[in-house]
Amino acid sequence: MSESARLLAYQAATEQVRSRLLMFTNTAWNSLGSYRDREIEQLVKMVVPRVQAGQIQVANLTAAHFRYVGATAAVDQRLVTGGRGIAADEVYRRPAHTVYTKLSEGKPLAEAVSAGLDRLGSLVSTDLQMAKVRQADRSLASAGVEAYRRVLTGRENCALCVIASTQRYHRGDLMPIHPGCDCSVDTLPAGWNPDVQVIDPALLDLTHDAIALHVGKSEAAARDLGIGKTDSRGNLLSDYTDLIISRERSEYGPTLSWRDHKFTRRSEIDALN
């Protein structure tokens, strides 16, 4: 199997795990009779074991994927399910807190429930991503690989991830860069000097140029566009996560749109905390 085919197969397999799990959690959330404490406790008991099973499945897929470079590290279940350092039962009560907060702000029940579902989806996606990158880090370390790269997973990606995909990363630096991030991890291009940080300078320049053309500014740190994007606790998030970059034709370079102009709401990448 070619390198590109192997990567695509791995991405498809991990996305299938994510899609199935999100379908389950969405159904479980929408089937609640109410969003009071007792119902939320029942939800947590249903969701947490399935999320952890999904994390382990993604880690196993990641370990198998990197055997082609000689990776031998087995999956450490506590490592891949404990990335937050907080009990999962506590984490998965947070969507209910979102509902209560929205209601206390005078929002309609339907809007509050939708916001809670968005938060639940963000938590699930981020937990699977943390399992992926933790196992990738462990597997590549076992093969003696010290530097690697992010790989975009689809035709449309947030600008922050597109910029990140042009860079070389060292072991330990590949945690999710924003809630909802789904980038894959892979080795550097064959023969690449790991001392060189920018892997794809053309895409990096084109992306910054596209942002500057449409927004009027761009910056190397890929954070501030003047939107003032924050998470549910008021912590600053990169404005670049609200920008979608699509590089459909190489001769055109990246095309740009706002996330809200697509089918995804900003709340779908709500903060993991």
C-alpha atoms as a PDB file:
ATOM      1  CA  MET A   1       0.000   0.000   0.000  1.00  0.00           C
ATOM      2  CA  SER A   2       1.326   3.453  -0.901  1.00  0.00           C
ATOM      3  CA  GLU A   3       1.990   6.066   1.798  1.00  0.00           C
ATOM      4  CA  SER A   4      -0.919   8.233   0.662  1.00  0.00           C
ATOM      5  CA  ALA A   5      -3.326   5.288   0.511  1.00  0.00           C
ATOM      6  CA  ARG A   6      -2.253   4.166   3.963  1.00  0.00           C
ATOM      7  CA  LEU A   7      -2.852   7.647   5.395  1.00  0.00           C
ATOM      8  CA  LEU A   8      -6.265   7.960   3.735  1.00  0.00           C
ATOM      9  CA  ALA A   9      -7.315   4.557   5.074  1.00  0.00           C
ATOM     10  CA  TYR A  10      -6.257   5.563   8.580  1.00  0.00           C
ATOM     11  CA  GLN A  11      -8.096   8.887   8.374  1.00  0.00           C
ATOM     12  CA  ALA A  12     -11.252   7.173   7.111  1.00  0.00           C
ATOM     13  CA  ALA A  13     -11.141   4.611   9.928  1.00  0.00           C
ATOM     14  CA  THR A  14     -10.717   7.200  12.680  1.00  0.00           C
ATOM     15  CA  GLU A  15     -13.436   9.394  11.174  1.00  0.00           C
ATOM     16  CA  GLN A  16     -15.792   6.419  11.168  1.00  0.00           C
ATOM     17  CA  VAL A  17     -15.215   5.979  14.913  1.00  0.00           C
ATOM     18  CA  ARG A  18     -15.872   9.671  15.495  1.00  0.00           C
ATOM     19  CA  SER A  19     -19.020   9.727  13.349  1.00  0.00           C
ATOM     20  CA  ARG A  20     -20.534   6.673  15.037  1.00  0.00           C
ATOM     21  CA  LEU A  21     -19.813   8.025  18.497  1.00  0.00           C
ATOM     22  CA  LEU A  22     -21.262  11.454  17.702  1.00  0.00           C
ATOM     23  CA  MET A  23     -24.375   9.807  16.309  1.00  0.00           C
ATOM     24  CA  PHE A  24     -24.790   7.877  19.556  1.00  0.00           C
ATOM     25  CA  THR A  25     -24.196  10.863  21.842  1.00  0.00           C
ATOM     26  CA  ASN A  26     -26.496  13.105  19.791  1.00  0.00           C
ATOM     27  CA  THR A  27     -29.260  10.512  20.019  1.00  0.00           C
ATOM     28  CA  ALA A  28     -28.704  10.034  23.740  1.00  0.00           C
ATOM     29  CA  TRP A  29     -28.857  13.790  24.368  1.00  0.00           C
ATOM     30  CA  ASN A  30     -31.968  14.335  22.272  1.00  0.00           C
ATOM     31  CA  SER A  31     -33.765  11.417  23.950  1.00  0.00           C
ATOM     32  CA  LEU A  32     -33.558  12.972  27.426  1.00  0.00           C
ATOM     33  CA  GLY A  33     -36.957  13.678  28.904  1.00  0.00           C
ATOM     34  CA  SER A  34     -35.533  16.663  30.750  1.00  0.00           C
ATOM     35  CA  TYR A  35     -32.106  18.040  31.559  1.00  0.00           C
ATOM     36  CA  ARG A  36     -32.312  17.786  35.321  1.00  0.00           C
ATOM     37  CA  ASP A  37     -29.628  16.171  37.476  1.00  0.00           C
ATOM     38  CA  ARG A  38     -31.040  12.648  37.430  1.00  0.00           C
ATOM     39  CA  GLU A  39     -31.323  12.517  33.644  1.00  0.00           C
ATOM     40  CA  ILE A  40     -27.847  13.986  33.237  1.00  0.00           C
ATOM     41  CA  GLU A  41     -26.391  11.338  35.571  1.00  0.00           C
ATOM     42  CA  GLN A  42     -27.982   8.665  33.391  1.00  0.00           C
ATOM     43  CA  LEU A  43     -26.552  10.322  30.287  1.00  0.00           C
ATOM     44  CA  VAL A  44     -23.058  10.430  31.788  1.00  0.00           C
ATOM     45  CA  LYS A  45     -23.241   6.728  32.671  1.00  0.00           C
ATOM     46  CA  MET A  46     -24.161   5.917  29.070  1.00  0.00           C
ATOM     47  CA  VAL A  47     -21.747   8.266  27.327  1.00  0.00           C
ATOM     48  CA  VAL A  48     -18.485   8.009  29.263  1.00  0.00           C
ATOM     49  CA  PRO A  49     -17.823   4.264  28.668  1.00  0.00           C
ATOM     50  CA  ARG A  50     -18.536   4.661  24.965  1.00  0.00           C
ATOM     51  CA  VAL A  51     -16.281   7.705  24.642  1.00  0.00           C
ATOM     52  CA  GLN A  52     -13.467   5.846  26.371  1.00  0.00           C
ATOM     53  CA  ALA A  53     -14.007   2.823  24.140  1.00  0.00           C
ATOM     54  CA  GLY A  54     -13.812   5.170  21.153  1.00  0.00           C
ATOM     55  CA  GLN A  55     -10.594   6.682  22.468  1.00  0.00           C
ATOM     56  CA  ILE A  56      -9.031   3.247  22.816  1.00  0.00           C
ATOM     57  CA  GLN A  57     -10.203   2.275  19.321  1.00  0.00           C
ATOM     58  CA  VAL A  58      -8.682   5.425  17.814  1.00  0.00           C
ATOM     59  CA  ALA A  59      -5.442   4.783  19.720  1.00  0.00           C
ATOM     60  CA  ASN A  60      -5.312   1.214  18.405  1.00  0.00           C
ATOM     61  CA  LEU A  61      -5.844   2.449  14.848  1.00  0.00           C
ATOM     62  CA  THR A  62      -3.061   5.004  15.372  1.00  0.00           C
ATOM     63  CA  ALA A  63      -0.668   2.397  16.770  1.00  0.00           C
ATOM     64  CA  ALA A  64      -1.363   0.131  13.789  1.00  0.00           C
ATOM     65  CA  HIS A  65      -0.926   3.003  11.340  1.00  0.00           C
ATOM     66  CA  PHE A  66       2.578   3.824  12.552  1.00  0.00           C
ATOM     67  CA  ARG A  67       3.911   0.285  12.431  1.00  0.00           C
ATOM     68  CA  TYR A  68       5.145   1.128   8.940  1.00  0.00           C
ATOM     69  CA  VAL A  69       7.911   3.229  10.513  1.00  0.00           C
ATOM     70  CA  GLY A  70       8.747   0.540  13.071  1.00  0.00           C
ATOM     71  CA  ALA A  71       6.598   1.821  15.932  1.00  0.00           C
ATOM     72  CA  THR A  72       6.160  -0.820  18.628  1.00  0.00           C
ATOM     73  CA  ALA A  73       4.425   1.050  21.465  1.00  0.00           C
ATOM     74  CA  ALA A  74       1.308  -0.644  22.759  1.00  0.00           C
ATOM     75  CA  VAL A  75      -1.750   1.394  23.680  1.00  0.00           C
ATOM     76  CA  ASP A  76      -1.710   2.682  27.247  1.00  0.00           C
ATOM     77  CA  GLN A  77      -5.411   2.913  28.025  1.00  0.00           C
ATOM     78  CA  ARG A  78      -4.960   5.241  30.988  1.00  0.00           C
ATOM     79  CA  LEU A  79      -2.859   7.595  28.880  1.00  0.00           C
ATOM     80  CA  VAL A  80      -5.310   7.840  25.982  1.00  0.00           C
ATOM     81  CA  THR A  81      -8.430   8.141  28.138  1.00  0.00           C
ATOM     82  CA  GLY A  82      -6.957  10.431  30.790  1.00  0.00           C
ATOM     83  CA  GLY A  83      -5.661  13.279  28.666  1.00  0.00           C
ATOM     84  CA  ARG A  84      -7.632  15.962  30.486  1.00  0.00           C
ATOM     85  CA  GLY A  85      -6.441  15.055  33.970  1.00  0.00           C
ATOM     86  CA  ILE A  86     -10.056  15.442  35.132  1.00  0.00           C
ATOM     87  CA  ALA A  87     -12.563  12.682  35.823  1.00  0.00           C
ATOM     88  CA  ALA A  88     -14.599  11.950  32.696  1.00  0.00           C
ATOM     89  CA  ASP A  89     -17.824  11.916  34.729  1.00  0.00           C
ATOM     90  CA  GLU A  90     -17.182  15.539  35.644  1.00  0.00           C
ATOM     91  CA  VAL A  91     -16.301  16.536  32.088  1.00  0.00           C
ATOM     92  CA  TYR A  92     -19.473  15.074  30.597  1.00  0.00           C
ATOM     93  CA  ARG A  93     -21.715  16.970  32.987  1.00  0.00           C
ATOM     94  CA  ARG A  94     -20.567  20.207  31.359  1.00  0.00           C
ATOM     95  CA  PRO A  95     -23.160  20.183  28.550  1.00  0.00           C
ATOM     96  CA  ALA A  96     -25.840  20.340  31.250  1.00  0.00           C
ATOM     97  CA  HIS A  97     -24.081  23.325  32.821  1.00  0.00           C
ATOM     98  CA  THR A  98     -24.232  24.989  29.411  1.00  0.00           C
ATOM     99  CA  VAL A  99     -27.991  24.446  29.334  1.00  0.00           C
ATOM    100  CA  TYR A 100     -28.418  25.905  32.813  1.00  0.00           C
ATOM    101  CA  THR A 101     -26.230  28.901  31.985  1.00  0.00           C
ATOM    102  CA  LYS A 102     -28.198  29.685  28.826  1.00  0.00           C
ATOM    103  CA  LEU A 103     -31.484  29.414  30.699  1.00  0.00           C
ATOM    104  CA  SER A 104     -30.174  31.731  33.425  1.00  0.00           C
ATOM    105  CA  GLU A 105     -29.413  34.243  30.668  1.00  0.00           C
ATOM    106  CA  GLY A 106     -33.051  34.132  29.566  1.00  0.00           C
ATOM    107  CA  LYS A 107     -32.490  32.022  26.441  1.00  0.00           C
ATOM    108  CA  PRO A 108     -35.341  29.791  25.222  1.00  0.00           C
ATOM    109  CA  LEU A 109     -35.161  26.144  26.250  1.00  0.00           C
ATOM    110  CA  ALA A 110     -34.647  24.943  22.665  1.00  0.00           C
ATOM    111  CA  GLU A 111     -31.651  27.256  22.241  1.00  0.00           C
ATOM    112  CA  ALA A 112     -30.183  26.184  25.574  1.00  0.00           C
ATOM    113  CA  VAL A 113     -30.565  22.497  24.726  1.00  0.00           C
ATOM    114  CA  SER A 114     -28.965  23.033  21.309  1.00  0.00           C
ATOM    115  CA  ALA A 115     -26.007  24.785  22.944  1.00  0.00           C
ATOM    116  CA  GLY A 116     -25.620  21.847  25.319  1.00  0.00           C
ATOM    117  CA  LEU A 117     -25.585  19.431  22.394  1.00  0.00           C
ATOM    118  CA  ASP A 118     -22.927  21.520  20.665  1.00  0.00           C
ATOM    119  CA  ARG A 119     -20.813  21.361  23.809  1.00  0.00           C
ATOM    120  CA  LEU A 120     -21.253  17.603  24.050  1.00  0.00           C
ATOM    121  CA  GLY A 121     -20.123  17.142  20.444  1.00  0.00           C
ATOM    122  CA  SER A 122     -17.073  19.327  21.047  1.00  0.00           C
ATOM    123  CA  LEU A 123     -16.104  17.319  24.119  1.00  0.00           C
ATOM    124  CA  VAL A 124     -16.401  14.023  22.260  1.00  0.00           C
ATOM    125  CA  SER A 125     -14.413  15.205  19.232  1.00  0.00           C
ATOM    126  CA  THR A 126     -11.663  16.691  21.364  1.00  0.00           C
ATOM    127  CA  ASP A 127     -11.348  13.566  23.533  1.00  0.00           C
ATOM    128  CA  LEU A 128     -10.927  11.407  20.429  1.00  0.00           C
ATOM    129  CA  GLN A 129      -8.354  13.841  19.052  1.00  0.00           C
ATOM    130  CA  MET A 130      -6.377  13.801  22.295  1.00  0.00           C
ATOM    131  CA  ALA A 131      -6.323   9.999  22.175  1.00  0.00           C
ATOM    132  CA  LYS A 132      -5.061  10.161  18.587  1.00  0.00           C
ATOM    133  CA  VAL A 133      -2.212  12.581  19.198  1.00  0.00           C
ATOM    134  CA  ARG A 134      -1.125  11.013  22.497  1.00  0.00           C
ATOM    135  CA  GLN A 135      -0.820   7.602  20.860  1.00  0.00           C
ATOM    136  CA  ALA A 136       0.877   9.097  17.796  1.00  0.00           C
ATOM    137  CA  ASP A 137       3.433  10.741  20.061  1.00  0.00           C
ATOM    138  CA  ARG A 138       4.011   7.475  21.932  1.00  0.00           C
ATOM    139  CA  SER A 139       4.187   5.344  18.777  1.00  0.00           C
ATOM    140  CA  LEU A 140       6.573   7.602  16.899  1.00  0.00           C
ATOM    141  CA  ALA A 141       8.782   7.935  19.964  1.00  0.00           C
ATOM    142  CA  SER A 142       9.081   4.127  20.061  1.00  0.00           C
ATOM    143  CA  ALA A 143      10.318   4.251  16.450  1.00  0.00           C
ATOM    144  CA  GLY A 144      12.878   6.956  17.255  1.00  0.00           C
ATOM    145  CA  VAL A 145      10.997   9.610  15.252  1.00  0.00           C
ATOM    146  CA  GLU A 146      11.546  13.030  16.807  1.00  0.00           C
ATOM    147  CA  ALA A 147       9.902  15.367  14.279  1.00  0.00           C
ATOM    148  CA  TYR A 148       6.698  15.106  12.327  1.00  0.00           C
ATOM    149  CA  ARG A 149       3.834  17.073  10.830  1.00  0.00           C
ATOM    150  CA  ARG A 150       0.116  17.690  10.964  1.00  0.00           C
ATOM    151  CA  VAL A 151      -1.973  16.439   8.063  1.00  0.00           C
ATOM    152  CA  LEU A 152      -5.293  18.020   7.114  1.00  0.00           C
ATOM    153  CA  THR A 153      -8.189  15.595   7.009  1.00  0.00           C
ATOM    154  CA  GLY A 154     -10.600  17.139   4.543  1.00  0.00           C
ATOM    155  CA  ARG A 155     -11.200  19.578   1.703  1.00  0.00           C
ATOM    156  CA  GLU A 156     -12.256  22.305   4.134  1.00  0.00           C
ATOM    157  CA  ASN A 157     -10.166  23.087   7.210  1.00  0.00           C
ATOM    158  CA  CYS A 158      -9.922  25.972   9.632  1.00  0.00           C
ATOM    159  CA  ALA A 159      -7.173  28.445   8.808  1.00  0.00           C
ATOM    160  CA  LEU A 160      -5.331  27.710  12.044  1.00  0.00           C
ATOM    161  CA  CYS A 161      -4.993  24.029  11.099  1.00  0.00           C
ATOM    162  CA  VAL A 162      -4.004  24.867   7.519  1.00  0.00           C
ATOM    163  CA  ILE A 163      -1.190  27.079   8.812  1.00  0.00           C
ATOM    164  CA  ALA A 164      -0.181  24.405  11.334  1.00  0.00           C
ATOM    165  CA  SER A 165       0.002  21.804   8.548  1.00  0.00           C
ATOM    166  CA  THR A 166       2.815  23.784   6.899  1.00  0.00           C
ATOM    167  CA  GLN A 167       5.062  23.439   9.964  1.00  0.00           C
ATOM    168  CA  ARG A 168       7.408  20.815  11.399  1.00  0.00           C
ATOM    169  CA  TYR A 169       6.648  19.744  14.969  1.00  0.00           C
ATOM    170  CA  HIS A 170       8.773  17.981  17.541  1.00  0.00           C
ATOM    171  CA  ARG A 171       7.636  15.113  19.714  1.00  0.00           C
ATOM    172  CA  GLY A 172       5.385  16.357  22.508  1.00  0.00           C
ATOM    173  CA  ASP A 173       4.074  19.365  20.562  1.00  0.00           C
ATOM    174  CA  LEU A 174       1.114  17.779  18.793  1.00  0.00           C
ATOM    175  CA  MET A 175      -1.782  18.262  21.173  1.00  0.00           C
ATOM    176  CA  PRO A 176      -5.031  19.552  19.614  1.00  0.00           C
ATOM    177  CA  ILE A 177      -4.545  23.215  18.791  1.00  0.00           C
ATOM    178  CA  HIS A 178      -8.211  24.116  19.258  1.00  0.00           C
ATOM    179  CA  PRO A 179     -11.425  22.385  20.383  1.00  0.00           C
ATOM    180  CA  GLY A 180     -12.773  20.240  17.576  1.00  0.00           C
ATOM    181  CA  CYS A 181      -9.408  19.972  15.790  1.00  0.00           C
ATOM    182  CA  ASP A 182      -9.224  16.714  13.815  1.00  0.00           C
ATOM    183  CA  CYS A 183      -5.818  16.900  12.121  1.00  0.00           C
ATOM    184  CA  SER A 184      -3.901  13.673  11.661  1.00  0.00           C
ATOM    185  CA  VAL A 185      -0.219  13.135  12.426  1.00  0.00           C
ATOM    186  CA  ASP A 186       2.345  11.753  10.001  1.00  0.00           C
ATOM    187  CA  THR A 187       6.053  11.573   9.397  1.00  0.00           C
ATOM    188  CA  LEU A 188       7.920  14.329   7.572  1.00  0.00           C
ATOM    189  CA  PRO A 189       8.286  14.103   3.793  1.00  0.00           C
ATOM    190  CA  ALA A 190      11.024  11.708   2.703  1.00  0.00           C
ATOM    191  CA  GLY A 191      14.464  13.289   2.995  1.00  0.00           C
ATOM    192  CA  TRP A 192      13.191  16.360   4.859  1.00  0.00           C
ATOM    193  CA  ASN A 193      15.689  18.064   7.141  1.00  0.00           C
ATOM    194  CA  PRO A 194      14.011  18.150  10.601  1.00  0.00           C
ATOM    195  CA  ASP A 195      15.884  21.367  11.404  1.00  0.00           C
ATOM    196  CA  VAL A 196      13.780  23.196   8.791  1.00  0.00           C
ATOM    197  CA  GLN A 197      10.496  24.276  10.339  1.00  0.00           C
ATOM    198  CA  VAL A 198       8.371  25.344   7.355  1.00  0.00           C
ATOM    199  CA  ILE A 199       7.430  22.331   5.252  1.00  0.00           C
ATOM    200  CA  ASP A 200       5.151  24.048   2.734  1.00  0.00           C
ATOM    201  CA  PRO A 201       6.119  27.737   2.441  1.00  0.00           C
ATOM    202  CA  ALA A 202       3.946  28.231  -0.652  1.00  0.00           C
ATOM    203  CA  LEU A 203       0.754  27.139   1.140  1.00  0.00           C
ATOM    204  CA  LEU A 204       1.714  29.181   4.198  1.00  0.00           C
ATOM    205  CA  ASP A 205       2.174  32.342   2.140  1.00  0.00           C
ATOM    206  CA  LEU A 206      -0.968  31.764   0.083  1.00  0.00           C
ATOM    207  CA  THR A 207      -3.039  31.237   3.219  1.00  0.00           C
ATOM    208  CA  HIS A 208      -1.813  34.414   4.890  1.00  0.00           C
ATOM    209  CA  ASP A 209      -2.340  36.318   1.630  1.00  0.00           C
ATOM    210  CA  ALA A 210      -5.914  35.013   1.317  1.00  0.00           C
ATOM    211  CA  ILE A 211      -6.690  36.018   4.900  1.00  0.00           C
ATOM    212  CA  ALA A 212      -5.182  39.475   4.454  1.00  0.00           C
ATOM    213  CA  LEU A 213      -7.130  39.969   1.215  1.00  0.00           C
ATOM    214  CA  HIS A 214     -10.492  39.120   2.754  1.00  0.00           C
ATOM    215  CA  VAL A 215     -10.062  40.330   6.319  1.00  0.00           C
ATOM    216  CA  GLY A 216      -7.586  43.156   5.900  1.00  0.00           C
ATOM    217  CA  LYS A 217      -4.958  41.695   8.225  1.00  0.00           C
ATOM    218  CA  SER A 218      -3.024  38.556   9.009  1.00  0.00           C
ATOM    219  CA  GLU A 219      -0.351  37.687  11.530  1.00  0.00           C
ATOM    220  CA  ALA A 220       2.331  35.050  11.908  1.00  0.00           C
ATOM    221  CA  ALA A 221       0.970  33.873  15.267  1.00  0.00           C
ATOM    222  CA  ALA A 222      -2.362  33.014  13.586  1.00  0.00           C
ATOM    223  CA  ARG A 223      -4.467  34.273  16.473  1.00  0.00           C
ATOM    224  CA  ASP A 224      -5.939  37.756  16.370  1.00  0.00           C
ATOM    225  CA  LEU A 225      -8.123  39.062  13.564  1.00  0.00           C
ATOM    226  CA  GLY A 226     -10.035  41.464  15.765  1.00  0.00           C
ATOM    227  CA  ILE A 227     -13.007  39.152  16.219  1.00  0.00           C
ATOM    228  CA  GLY A 228     -12.413  38.708  19.925  1.00  0.00           C
ATOM    229  CA  LYS A 229     -13.250  34.995  19.860  1.00  0.00           C
ATOM    230  CA  THR A 230     -13.494  33.438  23.317  1.00  0.00           C
ATOM    231  CA  ASP A 231     -14.638  30.195  24.861  1.00  0.00           C
ATOM    232  CA  SER A 232     -17.531  29.767  27.283  1.00  0.00           C
ATOM    233  CA  ARG A 233     -15.332  30.979  30.150  1.00  0.00           C
ATOM    234  CA  GLY A 234     -14.078  34.063  28.370  1.00  0.00           C
ATOM    235  CA  ASN A 235     -10.654  32.631  27.527  1.00  0.00           C
ATOM    236  CA  LEU A 236      -9.194  33.877  24.247  1.00  0.00           C
ATOM    237  CA  LEU A 237      -9.278  31.469  21.303  1.00  0.00           C
ATOM    238  CA  SER A 238      -7.656  31.981  17.944  1.00  0.00           C
ATOM    239  CA  ASP A 239      -9.885  33.930  15.565  1.00  0.00           C
ATOM    240  CA  TYR A 240      -8.447  31.741  12.816  1.00  0.00           C
ATOM    241  CA  THR A 241     -10.646  28.838  13.896  1.00  0.00           C
ATOM    242  CA  ASP A 242     -13.609  30.753  12.448  1.00  0.00           C
ATOM    243  CA  LEU A 243     -12.019  30.867   8.996  1.00  0.00           C
ATOM    244  CA  ILE A 244     -12.345  27.971   6.565  1.00  0.00           C
ATOM    245  CA  ILE A 245      -9.596  27.466   4.002  1.00  0.00           C
ATOM    246  CA  SER A 246     -10.342  25.352   0.952  1.00  0.00           C
ATOM    247  CA  ARG A 247      -7.557  24.582  -1.517  1.00  0.00           C
ATOM    248  CA  GLU A 248      -9.541  22.953  -4.271  1.00  0.00           C
ATOM    249  CA  ARG A 249      -7.217  23.875  -7.170  1.00  0.00           C
ATOM    250  CA  SER A 250      -3.524  24.489  -6.736  1.00  0.00           C
ATOM    251  CA  GLU A 251      -3.464  27.195  -9.410  1.00  0.00           C
ATOM    252  CA  TYR A 252      -6.059  29.226  -7.499  1.00  0.00           C
ATOM    253  CA  GLY A 253      -4.511  28.886  -4.074  1.00  0.00           C
ATOM    254  CA  PRO A 254      -6.685  28.762  -0.969  1.00  0.00           C
ATOM    255  CA  THR A 255     -10.195  30.119  -1.009  1.00  0.00           C
ATOM    256  CA  LEU A 256     -11.566  31.572   2.184  1.00  0.00           C
ATOM    257  CA  SER A 257     -14.915  31.751   3.934  1.00  0.00           C
ATOM    258  CA  TRP A 258     -16.246  32.303   7.427  1.00  0.00           C
ATOM    259  CA  ARG A 259     -17.251  29.249   9.410  1.00  0.00           C
ATOM    260  CA  ASP A 260     -20.711  30.736   9.954  1.00  0.00           C
ATOM    261  CA  HIS A 261     -21.207  30.796   6.184  1.00  0.00           C
ATOM    262  CA  LYS A 262     -20.851  27.009   6.113  1.00  0.00           C
ATOM    263  CA  PHE A 263     -23.003  24.430   7.854  1.00  0.00           C
ATOM    264  CA  THR A 264     -21.161  24.627  11.175  1.00  0.00           C
ATOM    265  CA  ARG A 265     -21.999  27.019  13.963  1.00  0.00           C
ATOM    266  CA  ARG A 266     -19.261  28.683  15.951  1.00  0.00           C
ATOM    267  CA  SER A 267     -20.639  26.991  19.027  1.00  0.00           C
ATOM    268  CA  GLU A 268     -19.712  23.600  17.549  1.00  0.00           C
ATOM    269  CA  ILE A 269     -16.106  24.298  18.426  1.00  0.00           C
ATOM    270  CA  ASP A 270     -16.991  25.466  21.919  1.00  0.00           C
ATOM    271  CA  ALA A 271     -14.201  25.295  24.458  1.00  0.00           C
ATOM    272  CA  LEU A 272     -13.066  21.953  25.746  1.00  0.00           C
ATOM    273  CA  ASN A 273     -12.992  23.483  29.229  1.00  0.00           C
END
